[in-house]
C-alpha atoms as a PDB file:
ATOM      1  CA  MET A   1     -22.433  10.315  17.146  1.00  0.00           C
ATOM      2  CA  VAL A   2     -22.169   6.912  15.512  1.00  0.00           C
ATOM      3  CA  VAL A   3     -23.524   6.147  12.026  1.00  0.00           C
ATOM      4  CA  SER A   4     -23.709   3.051   9.880  1.00  0.00           C
ATOM      5  CA  ILE A   5     -21.960   2.703   6.546  1.00  0.00           C
ATOM      6  CA  ASP A   6     -25.382   3.049   4.920  1.00  0.00           C
ATOM      7  CA  GLN A   7     -26.023   6.368   6.667  1.00  0.00           C
ATOM      8  CA  ALA A   8     -22.617   7.628   5.579  1.00  0.00           C
ATOM      9  CA  ARG A   9     -23.262   6.473   2.019  1.00  0.00           C
ATOM     10  CA  VAL A  10     -26.622   8.270   1.860  1.00  0.00           C
ATOM     11  CA  GLY A  11     -25.192  11.438   3.422  1.00  0.00           C
ATOM     12  CA  VAL A  12     -22.187  11.586   1.089  1.00  0.00           C
ATOM     13  CA  LYS A  13     -24.360  11.014  -1.963  1.00  0.00           C
ATOM     14  CA  LYS A  14     -26.776  13.801  -0.954  1.00  0.00           C
ATOM     15  CA  TYR A  15     -23.860  16.117  -0.240  1.00  0.00           C
ATOM     16  CA  VAL A  16     -22.261  15.481  -3.631  1.00  0.00           C
ATOM     17  CA  GLU A  17     -25.550  15.884  -5.453  1.00  0.00           C
ATOM     18  CA  ASN A  18     -26.736  18.988  -3.587  1.00  0.00           C
ATOM     19  CA  GLU A  19     -23.489  20.808  -2.876  1.00  0.00           C
ATOM     20  CA  ILE A  20     -20.640  19.715  -5.144  1.00  0.00           C
ATOM     21  CA  ALA A  21     -22.711  19.409  -8.304  1.00  0.00           C
ATOM     22  CA  ASN A  22     -24.151  22.873  -7.657  1.00  0.00           C
ATOM     23  CA  LYS A  23     -20.647  24.391  -7.563  1.00  0.00           C
ATOM     24  CA  ALA A  24     -19.624  22.703 -10.796  1.00  0.00           C
ATOM     25  CA  THR A  25     -20.160  23.915 -14.340  1.00  0.00           C
ATOM     26  CA  GLY A  26     -19.954  22.491 -17.836  1.00  0.00           C
ATOM     27  CA  ILE A  27     -18.354  19.098 -18.324  1.00  0.00           C
ATOM     28  CA  THR A  28     -17.461  18.853 -14.635  1.00  0.00           C
ATOM     29  CA  LYS A  29     -21.117  19.141 -13.669  1.00  0.00           C
ATOM     30  CA  PHE A  30     -21.978  16.464 -16.243  1.00  0.00           C
ATOM     31  CA  LEU A  31     -19.272  14.145 -14.911  1.00  0.00           C
ATOM     32  CA  ILE A  32     -20.414  14.545 -11.316  1.00  0.00           C
ATOM     33  CA  TYR A  33     -23.939  13.537 -12.231  1.00  0.00           C
ATOM     34  CA  PHE A  34     -22.557  10.759 -14.431  1.00  0.00           C
ATOM     35  CA  ILE A  35     -20.600   9.202 -11.546  1.00  0.00           C
ATOM     36  CA  LEU A  36     -23.257   9.842  -8.892  1.00  0.00           C
ATOM     37  CA  PRO A  37     -24.636   6.269  -9.086  1.00  0.00           C
ATOM     38  CA  SER A  38     -21.116   4.926  -8.415  1.00  0.00           C
ATOM     39  CA  ILE A  39     -20.700   6.902  -5.211  1.00  0.00           C
ATOM     40  CA  ASP A  40     -22.528   4.256  -3.180  1.00  0.00           C
ATOM     41  CA  LYS A  41     -19.921   1.617  -3.942  1.00  0.00           C
ATOM     42  CA  SER A  42     -17.039   4.061  -3.564  1.00  0.00           C
ATOM     43  CA  VAL A  43     -18.124   5.101  -0.065  1.00  0.00           C
ATOM     44  CA  VAL A  44     -18.573   1.491   1.064  1.00  0.00           C
ATOM     45  CA  ASP A  45     -15.179   0.518  -0.393  1.00  0.00           C
ATOM     46  CA  TYR A  46     -13.445   3.500   1.226  1.00  0.00           C
ATOM     47  CA  VAL A  47     -14.999   2.830   4.639  1.00  0.00           C
ATOM     48  CA  ASN A  48     -14.093  -0.852   4.495  1.00  0.00           C
ATOM     49  CA  LYS A  49     -10.477   0.001   3.622  1.00  0.00           C
ATOM     50  CA  ALA A  50     -10.349   2.521   6.470  1.00  0.00           C
ATOM     51  CA  LYS A  51     -11.666  -0.128   8.887  1.00  0.00           C
ATOM     52  CA  GLU A  52      -8.866  -2.485   7.861  1.00  0.00           C
ATOM     53  CA  SER A  53      -6.233   0.180   8.512  1.00  0.00           C
ATOM     54  CA  GLY A  54      -5.110   0.462  12.105  1.00  0.00           C
ATOM     55  CA  MET A  55      -4.476   4.139  11.483  1.00  0.00           C
ATOM     56  CA  PHE A  56      -8.221   4.838  11.503  1.00  0.00           C
ATOM     57  CA  SER A  57      -9.293   2.493  14.296  1.00  0.00           C
ATOM     58  CA  ASP A  58     -10.473   5.362  16.511  1.00  0.00           C
ATOM     59  CA  MET A  59     -12.989   6.317  13.812  1.00  0.00           C
ATOM     60  CA  PHE A  60     -14.950   3.076  14.292  1.00  0.00           C
ATOM     61  CA  ASN A  61     -16.720   1.604  17.296  1.00  0.00           C
ATOM     62  CA  GLU A  62     -16.699  -2.029  18.393  1.00  0.00           C
ATOM     63  CA  ASN A  63     -19.623  -2.797  16.033  1.00  0.00           C
ATOM     64  CA  GLY A  64     -17.799  -1.373  13.016  1.00  0.00           C
ATOM     65  CA  HIS A  65     -19.950   1.753  12.828  1.00  0.00           C
ATOM     66  CA  ILE A  66     -18.396   5.101  12.000  1.00  0.00           C
ATOM     67  CA  VAL A  67     -17.721   7.531  14.849  1.00  0.00           C
ATOM     68  CA  VAL A  68     -18.645  10.470  12.651  1.00  0.00           C
ATOM     69  CA  ASP A  69     -17.617  13.068  15.234  1.00  0.00           C
ATOM     70  CA  GLU A  70     -14.032  11.752  15.155  1.00  0.00           C
ATOM     71  CA  ALA A  71     -13.994  11.825  11.348  1.00  0.00           C
ATOM     72  CA  TYR A  72     -15.419  15.357  11.450  1.00  0.00           C
ATOM     73  CA  ASN A  73     -12.801  16.538  13.964  1.00  0.00           C
ATOM     74  CA  ARG A  74     -10.001  15.110  11.844  1.00  0.00           C
ATOM     75  CA  ALA A  75     -11.370  16.759   8.702  1.00  0.00           C
ATOM     76  CA  VAL A  76     -11.742  20.142  10.430  1.00  0.00           C
ATOM     77  CA  PHE A  77      -8.197  19.928  11.801  1.00  0.00           C
ATOM     78  CA  ALA A  78      -6.788  19.001   8.386  1.00  0.00           C
ATOM     79  CA  MET A  79      -8.705  21.809   6.652  1.00  0.00           C
ATOM     80  CA  GLU A  80      -7.583  24.376   9.232  1.00  0.00           C
ATOM     81  CA  LYS A  81      -3.957  23.357   8.827  1.00  0.00           C
ATOM     82  CA  SER A  82      -3.978  23.074   5.033  1.00  0.00           C
ATOM     83  CA  GLY A  83      -6.412  25.800   4.009  1.00  0.00           C
ATOM     84  CA  LYS A  84      -8.871  25.425   1.168  1.00  0.00           C
ATOM     85  CA  LEU A  85      -8.798  22.237  -0.832  1.00  0.00           C
ATOM     86  CA  LEU A  86      -8.469  22.941  -4.531  1.00  0.00           C
ATOM     87  CA  LEU A  87      -9.510  20.128  -6.841  1.00  0.00           C
ATOM     88  CA  GLU A  88      -7.825  21.552  -9.919  1.00  0.00           C
ATOM     89  CA  LYS A  89      -8.839  18.699 -12.178  1.00  0.00           C
ATOM     90  CA  TYR A  90     -12.498  19.530 -11.524  1.00  0.00           C
ATOM     91  CA  ASN A  91     -12.103  23.279 -11.026  1.00  0.00           C
ATOM     92  CA  LEU A  92     -13.643  23.052  -7.539  1.00  0.00           C
ATOM     93  CA  THR A  93     -12.554  24.544  -4.232  1.00  0.00           C
ATOM     94  CA  LEU A  94     -13.681  23.055  -0.929  1.00  0.00           C
ATOM     95  CA  ASP A  95     -13.380  24.702   2.476  1.00  0.00           C
ATOM     96  CA  ARG A  96     -14.530  24.245   6.067  1.00  0.00           C
ATOM     97  CA  THR A  97     -18.146  24.998   5.168  1.00  0.00           C
ATOM     98  CA  ASP A  98     -18.062  21.926   2.940  1.00  0.00           C
ATOM     99  CA  ILE A  99     -16.982  19.804   5.898  1.00  0.00           C
ATOM    100  CA  GLU A 100     -19.829  21.269   7.963  1.00  0.00           C
ATOM    101  CA  LYS A 101     -22.348  20.550   5.220  1.00  0.00           C
ATOM    102  CA  LEU A 102     -21.127  16.988   4.693  1.00  0.00           C
ATOM    103  CA  TYR A 103     -21.271  16.380   8.440  1.00  0.00           C
ATOM    104  CA  GLN A 104     -24.884  17.587   8.527  1.00  0.00           C
ATOM    105  CA  TYR A 105     -25.898  15.442   5.559  1.00  0.00           C
ATOM    106  CA  ILE A 106     -24.427  12.364   7.209  1.00  0.00           C
ATOM    107  CA  LYS A 107     -26.034  13.119  10.573  1.00  0.00           C
ATOM    108  CA  GLU A 108     -29.431  13.612   8.912  1.00  0.00           C
ATOM    109  CA  ALA A 109     -29.230  10.471   6.775  1.00  0.00           C
END
């Protein structure tokens, strides 16, 4: 499946708001909601940097859209090899279900 940067941006923002913020507590929860408006720009910046890198060329089609299935497969592989992702600074743990949820949010955007 191929998605535009805008679809990815909307999906990531919904995922962060609905899934990550719900796992957070206290000041971390506040900070997530505080930075939520900045996520749009961050996603666009990240995608544009990835496009410029030859290392990620297989994650984009000839029109510059994101091949979300390739990104998903890479994320699943990385999570399986590394285990849960602990974001100590924010006291959050992410696992494969988070990848699945993010993938769904992006596909539905």
